[in-house]
Amino acid sequence: MNWIYEPWPWYVSGPMIALIMFLLLMVGKNFGMSSNLRTLCTICGAGNKVNFFKFDWKSQKWNLIVVLGAIIGGFIASTFLTNDASVAINPNTIADLQELGFESAGKAYLPTELFALDAMTDIKSLSILIIGGLLVGFGTRYAGGCTSGHAISGLSNLQLPSLIAVIGFFIGGLVMIYIIFPLIF
């Protein structure tokens, strides 16, 4: 039963993702998580104030099931299928992060220095989360979708804008981790 607690290998999870993408393509649907925020805002009445939110949200309600499934799947995986909450990352990365003040590096999925409840009272942590959230939201809207939408759905449809967006995501990630992150911490 030890196999239950191990990550699924690429040769199992990769074909499963490909199968889901094939099924979505066959029924004319695109996969992406960021579009769900637009759908939720529309359901809550944002279309009364902003034209961007004026659309038939009922045509997107199937995608809300994906969010629900991700939440339920994450809960099941973390609660019942995980025997160790530490993250398997390179010891050199752990040392670098601990040098920057992240003592939880390699011990938790999310750095407790940023995501613990007491971090919400720290102005620096709160600022990082708010500014980061706004930048991700803006970037997702500006790119016309999120990483999952472009990298999984867009690339499988051979869309050039998705390829450009994915290249941009990688460049942005590299700039963040090697230039901006050390300046912040």
N, C-alpha and C. Protein backbone atom coordinates (compact mmCIF):
# COMPACT_ATOMS: atom_id res chain seq x y z
N MET A 1 0.81 -1.21 0.00
CA MET A 1 0.00 0.00 0.00
C MET A 1 0.85 1.27 0.00
N ASN A 2 2.16 1.14 0.06
CA ASN A 2 3.03 2.32 0.06
C ASN A 2 2.90 3.13 -1.23
N TRP A 3 2.52 2.50 -2.34
CA TRP A 3 2.39 3.19 -3.63
C TRP A 3 1.32 4.26 -3.59
N ILE A 4 0.35 4.14 -2.70
CA ILE A 4 -0.72 5.13 -2.59
C ILE A 4 -0.15 6.48 -2.19
N TYR A 5 0.92 6.47 -1.38
CA TYR A 5 1.46 7.71 -0.85
C TYR A 5 2.52 8.34 -1.75
N GLU A 6 2.84 7.73 -2.86
CA GLU A 6 3.84 8.26 -3.78
C GLU A 6 3.15 9.07 -4.88
N PRO A 7 3.85 10.08 -5.42
CA PRO A 7 3.27 10.81 -6.56
C PRO A 7 3.10 9.87 -7.76
N TRP A 8 2.07 10.12 -8.54
CA TRP A 8 1.85 9.30 -9.72
C TRP A 8 2.94 9.57 -10.73
N PRO A 9 3.46 8.54 -11.37
CA PRO A 9 4.51 8.76 -12.37
C PRO A 9 3.94 9.41 -13.63
N TRP A 10 4.81 10.04 -14.40
CA TRP A 10 4.40 10.77 -15.59
C TRP A 10 3.66 9.88 -16.57
N TYR A 11 4.03 8.60 -16.65
CA TYR A 11 3.41 7.71 -17.64
C TYR A 11 1.99 7.29 -17.24
N VAL A 12 1.55 7.68 -16.05
CA VAL A 12 0.15 7.47 -15.66
C VAL A 12 -0.59 8.81 -15.74
N SER A 13 -0.05 9.83 -15.09
CA SER A 13 -0.74 11.12 -15.04
C SER A 13 -0.74 11.83 -16.39
N GLY A 14 0.34 11.73 -17.16
CA GLY A 14 0.41 12.38 -18.47
C GLY A 14 -0.68 11.89 -19.42
N PRO A 15 -0.81 10.56 -19.63
CA PRO A 15 -1.89 10.08 -20.48
C PRO A 15 -3.29 10.41 -19.95
N MET A 16 -3.44 10.50 -18.62
CA MET A 16 -4.76 10.87 -18.09
C MET A 16 -5.09 12.32 -18.45
N ILE A 17 -4.10 13.21 -18.36
CA ILE A 17 -4.32 14.60 -18.76
C ILE A 17 -4.63 14.66 -20.25
N ALA A 18 -3.88 13.89 -21.05
CA ALA A 18 -4.12 13.86 -22.50
C ALA A 18 -5.53 13.36 -22.81
N LEU A 19 -5.99 12.35 -22.10
CA LEU A 19 -7.34 11.82 -22.31
C LEU A 19 -8.40 12.89 -22.00
N ILE A 20 -8.22 13.59 -20.88
CA ILE A 20 -9.17 14.64 -20.52
C ILE A 20 -9.17 15.74 -21.57
N MET A 21 -7.98 16.13 -22.03
CA MET A 21 -7.89 17.16 -23.07
C MET A 21 -8.56 16.70 -24.36
N PHE A 22 -8.36 15.45 -24.72
CA PHE A 22 -9.00 14.91 -25.92
C PHE A 22 -10.52 14.97 -25.80
N LEU A 23 -11.04 14.57 -24.64
CA LEU A 23 -12.49 14.60 -24.42
C LEU A 23 -13.02 16.04 -24.47
N LEU A 24 -12.28 16.98 -23.87
CA LEU A 24 -12.72 18.38 -23.90
C LEU A 24 -12.70 18.92 -25.33
N LEU A 25 -11.68 18.58 -26.10
CA LEU A 25 -11.62 19.02 -27.50
C LEU A 25 -12.78 18.44 -28.31
N MET A 26 -13.14 17.22 -28.03
CA MET A 26 -14.23 16.57 -28.77
C MET A 26 -15.57 17.24 -28.52
N VAL A 27 -15.74 17.81 -27.32
CA VAL A 27 -17.02 18.48 -27.02
C VAL A 27 -16.90 20.00 -27.15
N GLY A 28 -15.75 20.48 -27.67
CA GLY A 28 -15.59 21.91 -27.93
C GLY A 28 -15.37 22.77 -26.70
N LYS A 29 -14.75 22.23 -25.67
CA LYS A 29 -14.49 22.98 -24.45
C LYS A 29 -12.99 23.23 -24.29
N ASN A 30 -12.65 24.31 -23.60
CA ASN A 30 -11.27 24.63 -23.26
C ASN A 30 -11.09 24.54 -21.76
N PHE A 31 -9.94 24.06 -21.34
CA PHE A 31 -9.64 23.93 -19.92
C PHE A 31 -8.87 25.14 -19.44
N GLY A 32 -9.20 25.62 -18.28
CA GLY A 32 -8.48 26.71 -17.65
C GLY A 32 -9.15 27.07 -16.34
N MET A 33 -8.36 27.42 -15.35
CA MET A 33 -8.92 27.72 -14.04
C MET A 33 -9.29 29.19 -13.88
N SER A 34 -8.57 30.09 -14.53
CA SER A 34 -8.81 31.52 -14.31
C SER A 34 -10.17 31.96 -14.82
N SER A 35 -10.72 31.30 -15.80
CA SER A 35 -12.03 31.69 -16.31
C SER A 35 -13.13 31.48 -15.26
N ASN A 36 -12.85 30.66 -14.28
CA ASN A 36 -13.84 30.43 -13.22
C ASN A 36 -14.05 31.66 -12.36
N LEU A 37 -13.00 32.47 -12.19
CA LEU A 37 -13.17 33.69 -11.41
C LEU A 37 -14.14 34.63 -12.12
N ARG A 38 -14.02 34.74 -13.43
CA ARG A 38 -14.94 35.57 -14.21
C ARG A 38 -16.37 35.03 -14.06
N THR A 39 -16.51 33.70 -14.14
CA THR A 39 -17.83 33.09 -14.00
C THR A 39 -18.42 33.38 -12.62
N LEU A 40 -17.62 33.22 -11.56
CA LEU A 40 -18.11 33.48 -10.21
C LEU A 40 -18.50 34.94 -10.02
N CYS A 41 -17.69 35.85 -10.57
CA CYS A 41 -18.02 37.28 -10.47
C CYS A 41 -19.33 37.59 -11.20
N THR A 42 -19.53 36.95 -12.35
CA THR A 42 -20.76 37.16 -13.10
C THR A 42 -21.97 36.63 -12.33
N ILE A 43 -21.83 35.46 -11.73
CA ILE A 43 -22.91 34.89 -10.92
C ILE A 43 -23.28 35.84 -9.78
N CYS A 44 -22.27 36.50 -9.20
CA CYS A 44 -22.51 37.42 -8.08
C CYS A 44 -23.02 38.78 -8.52
N GLY A 45 -23.19 39.01 -9.82
CA GLY A 45 -23.79 40.24 -10.30
C GLY A 45 -22.83 41.29 -10.82
N ALA A 46 -21.57 40.93 -11.04
CA ALA A 46 -20.61 41.93 -11.53
C ALA A 46 -20.96 42.44 -12.93
N GLY A 47 -21.75 41.69 -13.68
CA GLY A 47 -22.17 42.12 -15.00
C GLY A 47 -23.03 43.36 -14.99
N ASN A 48 -23.62 43.68 -13.84
CA ASN A 48 -24.42 44.90 -13.72
C ASN A 48 -23.56 46.16 -13.72
N LYS A 49 -22.26 45.99 -13.42
CA LYS A 49 -21.37 47.15 -13.30
C LYS A 49 -20.29 47.19 -14.39
N VAL A 50 -19.85 46.02 -14.86
CA VAL A 50 -18.72 45.96 -15.79
C VAL A 50 -19.10 45.08 -16.98
N ASN A 51 -18.90 45.58 -18.19
CA ASN A 51 -19.27 44.84 -19.40
C ASN A 51 -18.52 43.52 -19.55
N PHE A 52 -17.28 43.46 -19.04
CA PHE A 52 -16.48 42.23 -19.15
C PHE A 52 -17.21 41.03 -18.54
N PHE A 53 -18.02 41.30 -17.53
CA PHE A 53 -18.72 40.22 -16.84
C PHE A 53 -20.12 39.94 -17.40
N LYS A 54 -20.46 40.59 -18.49
CA LYS A 54 -21.76 40.33 -19.13
C LYS A 54 -21.59 39.22 -20.16
N PHE A 55 -21.91 38.01 -19.76
CA PHE A 55 -21.88 36.86 -20.67
C PHE A 55 -22.75 35.76 -20.08
N ASP A 56 -23.02 34.76 -20.87
CA ASP A 56 -23.86 33.65 -20.42
C ASP A 56 -23.03 32.71 -19.55
N TRP A 57 -23.04 32.96 -18.25
CA TRP A 57 -22.23 32.17 -17.34
C TRP A 57 -22.68 30.72 -17.26
N LYS A 58 -23.94 30.46 -17.61
CA LYS A 58 -24.44 29.08 -17.54
C LYS A 58 -23.73 28.17 -18.54
N SER A 59 -23.19 28.77 -19.61
CA SER A 59 -22.44 27.96 -20.57
C SER A 59 -21.09 27.53 -19.99
N GLN A 60 -20.66 28.16 -18.90
CA GLN A 60 -19.38 27.85 -18.26
C GLN A 60 -19.52 27.09 -16.95
N LYS A 61 -20.74 26.74 -16.57
CA LYS A 61 -20.91 26.11 -15.26
C LYS A 61 -20.23 24.75 -15.16
N TRP A 62 -20.00 24.09 -16.30
CA TRP A 62 -19.28 22.81 -16.28
C TRP A 62 -17.87 23.01 -15.72
N ASN A 63 -17.28 24.18 -15.99
CA ASN A 63 -15.91 24.44 -15.54
C ASN A 63 -15.86 24.65 -14.03
N LEU A 64 -16.97 25.06 -13.42
CA LEU A 64 -17.02 25.20 -11.97
C LEU A 64 -16.90 23.82 -11.30
N ILE A 65 -17.35 22.79 -11.99
CA ILE A 65 -17.19 21.42 -11.48
C ILE A 65 -15.71 21.07 -11.40
N VAL A 66 -14.91 21.58 -12.34
CA VAL A 66 -13.47 21.35 -12.33
C VAL A 66 -12.87 21.94 -11.05
N VAL A 67 -13.29 23.15 -10.68
CA VAL A 67 -12.79 23.78 -9.46
C VAL A 67 -13.20 22.96 -8.24
N LEU A 68 -14.45 22.55 -8.19
CA LEU A 68 -14.92 21.73 -7.09
C LEU A 68 -14.12 20.43 -7.01
N GLY A 69 -13.89 19.81 -8.16
CA GLY A 69 -13.09 18.59 -8.20
C GLY A 69 -11.67 18.81 -7.73
N ALA A 70 -11.07 19.95 -8.09
CA ALA A 70 -9.71 20.26 -7.65
C ALA A 70 -9.66 20.44 -6.13
N ILE A 71 -10.67 21.09 -5.58
CA ILE A 71 -10.72 21.29 -4.13
C ILE A 71 -10.90 19.95 -3.41
N ILE A 72 -11.86 19.16 -3.87
CA ILE A 72 -12.11 17.86 -3.24
C ILE A 72 -10.91 16.94 -3.42
N GLY A 73 -10.35 16.91 -4.63
CA GLY A 73 -9.18 16.06 -4.89
C GLY A 73 -7.99 16.46 -4.05
N GLY A 74 -7.77 17.77 -3.90
CA GLY A 74 -6.67 18.25 -3.06
C GLY A 74 -6.87 17.86 -1.61
N PHE A 75 -8.11 17.96 -1.13
CA PHE A 75 -8.41 17.57 0.25
C PHE A 75 -8.17 16.07 0.46
N ILE A 76 -8.67 15.26 -0.46
CA ILE A 76 -8.49 13.81 -0.34
C ILE A 76 -7.00 13.46 -0.38
N ALA A 77 -6.26 14.06 -1.32
CA ALA A 77 -4.85 13.75 -1.46
C ALA A 77 -4.06 14.16 -0.21
N SER A 78 -4.33 15.37 0.31
CA SER A 78 -3.56 15.84 1.46
C SER A 78 -3.97 15.16 2.76
N THR A 79 -5.24 14.77 2.86
CA THR A 79 -5.73 14.18 4.11
C THR A 79 -5.53 12.67 4.17
N PHE A 80 -5.80 11.98 3.07
CA PHE A 80 -5.79 10.52 3.10
C PHE A 80 -4.65 9.86 2.33
N LEU A 81 -4.05 10.55 1.38
CA LEU A 81 -3.05 9.93 0.53
C LEU A 81 -1.64 10.49 0.72
N THR A 82 -1.43 11.26 1.77
CA THR A 82 -0.13 11.84 2.03
C THR A 82 0.34 11.41 3.41
N ASN A 83 1.50 10.78 3.45
CA ASN A 83 2.03 10.38 4.75
C ASN A 83 3.14 11.31 5.23
N ASP A 84 3.55 12.26 4.39
CA ASP A 84 4.61 13.18 4.74
C ASP A 84 4.29 14.54 4.12
N ALA A 85 4.19 15.56 4.94
CA ALA A 85 3.81 16.89 4.44
C ALA A 85 5.00 17.68 3.92
N SER A 86 6.20 17.12 3.99
CA SER A 86 7.36 17.86 3.50
C SER A 86 7.43 17.79 1.97
N VAL A 87 8.13 18.75 1.42
CA VAL A 87 8.27 18.84 -0.02
C VAL A 87 9.66 18.35 -0.39
N ALA A 88 9.71 17.46 -1.38
CA ALA A 88 11.00 16.92 -1.81
C ALA A 88 11.67 17.91 -2.77
N ILE A 89 12.48 18.79 -2.20
CA ILE A 89 13.21 19.75 -3.03
C ILE A 89 14.70 19.60 -2.76
N ASN A 90 15.49 20.11 -3.63
CA ASN A 90 16.94 20.00 -3.56
C ASN A 90 17.46 20.60 -2.25
N PRO A 91 18.37 19.90 -1.57
CA PRO A 91 18.93 20.44 -0.31
C PRO A 91 19.59 21.81 -0.48
N ASN A 92 20.17 22.07 -1.65
CA ASN A 92 20.76 23.39 -1.89
C ASN A 92 19.68 24.48 -1.91
N THR A 93 18.51 24.15 -2.49
CA THR A 93 17.40 25.10 -2.51
C THR A 93 16.90 25.34 -1.09
N ILE A 94 16.80 24.28 -0.31
CA ILE A 94 16.38 24.43 1.09
C ILE A 94 17.34 25.35 1.83
N ALA A 95 18.64 25.14 1.64
CA ALA A 95 19.64 25.98 2.31
C ALA A 95 19.51 27.44 1.86
N ASP A 96 19.30 27.66 0.56
CA ASP A 96 19.15 29.03 0.05
C ASP A 96 17.91 29.69 0.65
N LEU A 97 16.79 28.96 0.69
CA LEU A 97 15.56 29.53 1.25
C LEU A 97 15.69 29.80 2.75
N GLN A 98 16.36 28.90 3.47
CA GLN A 98 16.56 29.12 4.90
C GLN A 98 17.46 30.32 5.14
N GLU A 99 18.40 30.54 4.24
CA GLU A 99 19.27 31.72 4.33
C GLU A 99 18.47 33.00 4.15
N LEU A 100 17.39 32.93 3.36
CA LEU A 100 16.52 34.08 3.15
C LEU A 100 15.47 34.24 4.25
N GLY A 101 15.45 33.30 5.22
CA GLY A 101 14.53 33.40 6.34
C GLY A 101 13.35 32.45 6.30
N PHE A 102 13.32 31.52 5.35
CA PHE A 102 12.23 30.55 5.25
C PHE A 102 12.63 29.25 5.96
N GLU A 103 12.43 29.21 7.26
CA GLU A 103 12.81 28.03 8.04
C GLU A 103 11.94 26.82 7.72
N SER A 104 10.75 27.06 7.16
CA SER A 104 9.84 25.95 6.84
C SER A 104 10.17 25.30 5.49
N ALA A 105 11.20 25.78 4.80
CA ALA A 105 11.55 25.23 3.48
C ALA A 105 11.86 23.74 3.58
N GLY A 106 11.18 22.96 2.75
CA GLY A 106 11.35 21.52 2.74
C GLY A 106 10.53 20.79 3.78
N LYS A 107 9.82 21.54 4.62
CA LYS A 107 9.02 20.92 5.68
C LYS A 107 7.53 21.07 5.45
N ALA A 108 7.12 22.02 4.62
CA ALA A 108 5.70 22.29 4.39
C ALA A 108 5.49 22.67 2.93
N TYR A 109 4.28 22.43 2.41
CA TYR A 109 3.98 22.79 1.03
C TYR A 109 4.00 24.29 0.82
N LEU A 110 3.46 25.04 1.75
CA LEU A 110 3.44 26.50 1.67
C LEU A 110 4.35 27.05 2.76
N PRO A 111 5.13 28.07 2.45
CA PRO A 111 5.99 28.64 3.50
C PRO A 111 5.15 29.27 4.60
N THR A 112 5.30 28.75 5.80
CA THR A 112 4.50 29.27 6.91
C THR A 112 4.84 30.72 7.20
N GLU A 113 6.03 31.16 6.80
CA GLU A 113 6.41 32.56 7.00
C GLU A 113 5.53 33.51 6.19
N LEU A 114 4.89 33.02 5.14
CA LEU A 114 3.99 33.85 4.33
C LEU A 114 2.53 33.50 4.51
N PHE A 115 2.22 32.23 4.78
CA PHE A 115 0.83 31.79 4.74
C PHE A 115 0.23 31.37 6.08
N ALA A 116 0.97 31.43 7.16
CA ALA A 116 0.40 31.12 8.47
C ALA A 116 -0.53 32.26 8.90
N LEU A 117 -1.43 31.98 9.80
CA LEU A 117 -2.38 33.01 10.22
C LEU A 117 -1.69 34.21 10.85
N ASP A 118 -0.62 33.99 11.59
CA ASP A 118 0.06 35.12 12.21
C ASP A 118 0.80 35.97 11.17
N ALA A 119 1.06 35.41 9.99
CA ALA A 119 1.69 36.20 8.91
C ALA A 119 0.72 37.24 8.36
N MET A 120 -0.58 37.05 8.58
CA MET A 120 -1.58 38.00 8.09
C MET A 120 -1.55 39.31 8.86
N THR A 121 -0.86 39.33 10.00
CA THR A 121 -0.72 40.57 10.75
C THR A 121 0.58 41.28 10.41
N ASP A 122 1.46 40.64 9.67
CA ASP A 122 2.72 41.22 9.26
C ASP A 122 2.51 42.01 7.97
N ILE A 123 2.83 43.28 7.98
CA ILE A 123 2.56 44.15 6.84
C ILE A 123 3.33 43.71 5.60
N LYS A 124 4.56 43.22 5.76
CA LYS A 124 5.35 42.79 4.62
C LYS A 124 4.71 41.56 3.96
N SER A 125 4.35 40.57 4.75
CA SER A 125 3.71 39.36 4.21
C SER A 125 2.39 39.69 3.55
N LEU A 126 1.60 40.51 4.20
CA LEU A 126 0.30 40.88 3.65
C LEU A 126 0.46 41.67 2.35
N SER A 127 1.43 42.56 2.30
CA SER A 127 1.69 43.33 1.09
C SER A 127 2.12 42.43 -0.06
N ILE A 128 2.98 41.47 0.23
CA ILE A 128 3.44 40.54 -0.80
C ILE A 128 2.27 39.75 -1.36
N LEU A 129 1.40 39.27 -0.49
CA LEU A 129 0.25 38.48 -0.94
C LEU A 129 -0.72 39.32 -1.77
N ILE A 130 -0.99 40.54 -1.32
CA ILE A 130 -1.94 41.40 -2.04
C ILE A 130 -1.36 41.83 -3.39
N ILE A 131 -0.13 42.32 -3.40
CA ILE A 131 0.48 42.76 -4.65
C ILE A 131 0.66 41.59 -5.61
N GLY A 132 1.11 40.45 -5.07
CA GLY A 132 1.26 39.25 -5.91
C GLY A 132 -0.07 38.80 -6.49
N GLY A 133 -1.13 38.84 -5.69
CA GLY A 133 -2.45 38.46 -6.18
C GLY A 133 -2.95 39.38 -7.28
N LEU A 134 -2.73 40.68 -7.10
CA LEU A 134 -3.13 41.65 -8.13
C LEU A 134 -2.34 41.44 -9.42
N LEU A 135 -1.03 41.21 -9.30
CA LEU A 135 -0.21 40.99 -10.49
C LEU A 135 -0.60 39.70 -11.21
N VAL A 136 -0.88 38.65 -10.46
CA VAL A 136 -1.32 37.40 -11.09
C VAL A 136 -2.66 37.60 -11.77
N GLY A 137 -3.58 38.30 -11.10
CA GLY A 137 -4.89 38.56 -11.70
C GLY A 137 -4.78 39.39 -12.96
N PHE A 138 -3.97 40.45 -12.92
CA PHE A 138 -3.76 41.29 -14.10
C PHE A 138 -3.09 40.48 -15.21
N GLY A 139 -2.05 39.73 -14.86
CA GLY A 139 -1.33 38.95 -15.86
C GLY A 139 -2.20 37.90 -16.51
N THR A 140 -3.04 37.27 -15.72
CA THR A 140 -3.94 36.26 -16.25
C THR A 140 -4.92 36.89 -17.24
N ARG A 141 -5.45 38.02 -16.90
CA ARG A 141 -6.39 38.71 -17.79
C ARG A 141 -5.68 39.21 -19.04
N TYR A 142 -4.50 39.81 -18.85
CA TYR A 142 -3.74 40.35 -19.98
C TYR A 142 -3.31 39.25 -20.95
N ALA A 143 -2.95 38.09 -20.42
CA ALA A 143 -2.52 36.96 -21.26
C ALA A 143 -3.71 36.21 -21.84
N GLY A 144 -4.92 36.54 -21.40
CA GLY A 144 -6.10 35.85 -21.91
C GLY A 144 -6.25 34.45 -21.36
N GLY A 145 -5.69 34.20 -20.19
CA GLY A 145 -5.82 32.89 -19.56
C GLY A 145 -4.67 32.62 -18.61
N CYS A 146 -4.80 31.54 -17.88
CA CYS A 146 -3.80 31.18 -16.88
C CYS A 146 -2.83 30.14 -17.43
N THR A 147 -1.91 29.74 -16.58
CA THR A 147 -0.91 28.76 -17.00
C THR A 147 -1.54 27.43 -17.40
N SER A 148 -2.53 26.99 -16.67
CA SER A 148 -3.16 25.71 -17.02
C SER A 148 -3.92 25.82 -18.34
N GLY A 149 -4.60 26.93 -18.53
CA GLY A 149 -5.34 27.11 -19.78
C GLY A 149 -4.44 27.17 -20.99
N HIS A 150 -3.37 27.96 -20.89
CA HIS A 150 -2.46 28.08 -22.03
C HIS A 150 -1.58 26.85 -22.20
N ALA A 151 -0.97 26.39 -21.10
CA ALA A 151 0.00 25.30 -21.21
C ALA A 151 -0.64 23.96 -21.51
N ILE A 152 -1.83 23.72 -21.02
CA ILE A 152 -2.47 22.43 -21.26
C ILE A 152 -3.42 22.51 -22.44
N SER A 153 -4.36 23.43 -22.37
CA SER A 153 -5.38 23.51 -23.40
C SER A 153 -4.87 24.20 -24.67
N GLY A 154 -4.25 25.35 -24.52
CA GLY A 154 -3.79 26.11 -25.67
C GLY A 154 -2.70 25.40 -26.46
N LEU A 155 -1.73 24.84 -25.77
CA LEU A 155 -0.66 24.14 -26.49
C LEU A 155 -1.16 22.86 -27.16
N SER A 156 -2.12 22.19 -26.52
CA SER A 156 -2.66 20.98 -27.16
C SER A 156 -3.48 21.32 -28.40
N ASN A 157 -3.96 22.56 -28.49
CA ASN A 157 -4.66 23.04 -29.68
C ASN A 157 -3.71 23.69 -30.68
N LEU A 158 -2.41 23.66 -30.36
CA LEU A 158 -1.36 24.24 -31.22
C LEU A 158 -1.59 25.73 -31.48
N GLN A 159 -1.98 26.46 -30.45
CA GLN A 159 -2.25 27.89 -30.58
C GLN A 159 -0.97 28.68 -30.32
N LEU A 160 -0.57 29.50 -31.28
CA LEU A 160 0.63 30.32 -31.15
C LEU A 160 0.54 31.28 -29.96
N PRO A 161 -0.60 31.95 -29.71
CA PRO A 161 -0.66 32.84 -28.53
C PRO A 161 -0.39 32.09 -27.22
N SER A 162 -0.81 30.84 -27.14
CA SER A 162 -0.54 30.06 -25.93
C SER A 162 0.94 29.74 -25.80
N LEU A 163 1.59 29.46 -26.90
CA LEU A 163 3.03 29.21 -26.86
C LEU A 163 3.76 30.46 -26.39
N ILE A 164 3.37 31.61 -26.91
CA ILE A 164 3.99 32.88 -26.51
C ILE A 164 3.72 33.14 -25.02
N ALA A 165 2.48 32.88 -24.57
CA ALA A 165 2.14 33.09 -23.16
C ALA A 165 2.95 32.16 -22.26
N VAL A 166 3.10 30.90 -22.64
CA VAL A 166 3.85 29.95 -21.82
C VAL A 166 5.32 30.36 -21.74
N ILE A 167 5.89 30.80 -22.86
CA ILE A 167 7.27 31.30 -22.84
C ILE A 167 7.37 32.50 -21.89
N GLY A 168 6.37 33.38 -21.95
CA GLY A 168 6.33 34.53 -21.04
C GLY A 168 6.22 34.11 -19.59
N PHE A 169 5.42 33.07 -19.30
CA PHE A 169 5.30 32.57 -17.93
C PHE A 169 6.65 32.10 -17.41
N PHE A 170 7.38 31.37 -18.24
CA PHE A 170 8.68 30.85 -17.81
C PHE A 170 9.68 31.99 -17.61
N ILE A 171 9.70 32.95 -18.52
CA ILE A 171 10.61 34.08 -18.37
C ILE A 171 10.25 34.86 -17.11
N GLY A 172 8.96 35.11 -16.89
CA GLY A 172 8.52 35.80 -15.69
C GLY A 172 8.90 35.05 -14.42
N GLY A 173 8.77 33.74 -14.44
CA GLY A 173 9.16 32.93 -13.28
C GLY A 173 10.65 33.02 -13.00
N LEU A 174 11.45 32.97 -14.05
CA LEU A 174 12.90 33.07 -13.89
C LEU A 174 13.31 34.45 -13.36
N VAL A 175 12.70 35.50 -13.90
CA VAL A 175 12.99 36.85 -13.42
C VAL A 175 12.60 36.98 -11.95
N MET A 176 11.44 36.43 -11.60
CA MET A 176 10.98 36.52 -10.22
C MET A 176 11.94 35.82 -9.27
N ILE A 177 12.29 34.58 -9.58
CA ILE A 177 13.06 33.79 -8.62
C ILE A 177 14.52 34.22 -8.54
N TYR A 178 15.09 34.70 -9.64
CA TYR A 178 16.51 35.04 -9.62
C TYR A 178 16.80 36.52 -9.42
N ILE A 179 15.82 37.39 -9.67
CA ILE A 179 16.09 38.83 -9.53
C ILE A 179 15.21 39.46 -8.44
N ILE A 180 13.89 39.33 -8.56
CA ILE A 180 12.99 40.03 -7.65
C ILE A 180 12.93 39.38 -6.27
N PHE A 181 12.80 38.07 -6.22
CA PHE A 181 12.68 37.35 -4.93
C PHE A 181 13.84 37.66 -3.97
N PRO A 182 15.09 37.59 -4.43
CA PRO A 182 16.19 37.94 -3.50
C PRO A 182 16.15 39.39 -3.03
N LEU A 183 15.60 40.29 -3.85
CA LEU A 183 15.50 41.68 -3.42
C LEU A 183 14.45 41.87 -2.33
N ILE A 184 13.37 41.08 -2.42
CA ILE A 184 12.29 41.19 -1.43
C ILE A 184 12.71 40.61 -0.09
N PHE A 185 13.45 39.51 -0.16
CA PHE A 185 13.85 38.84 1.09
C PHE A 185 15.32 39.00 1.31
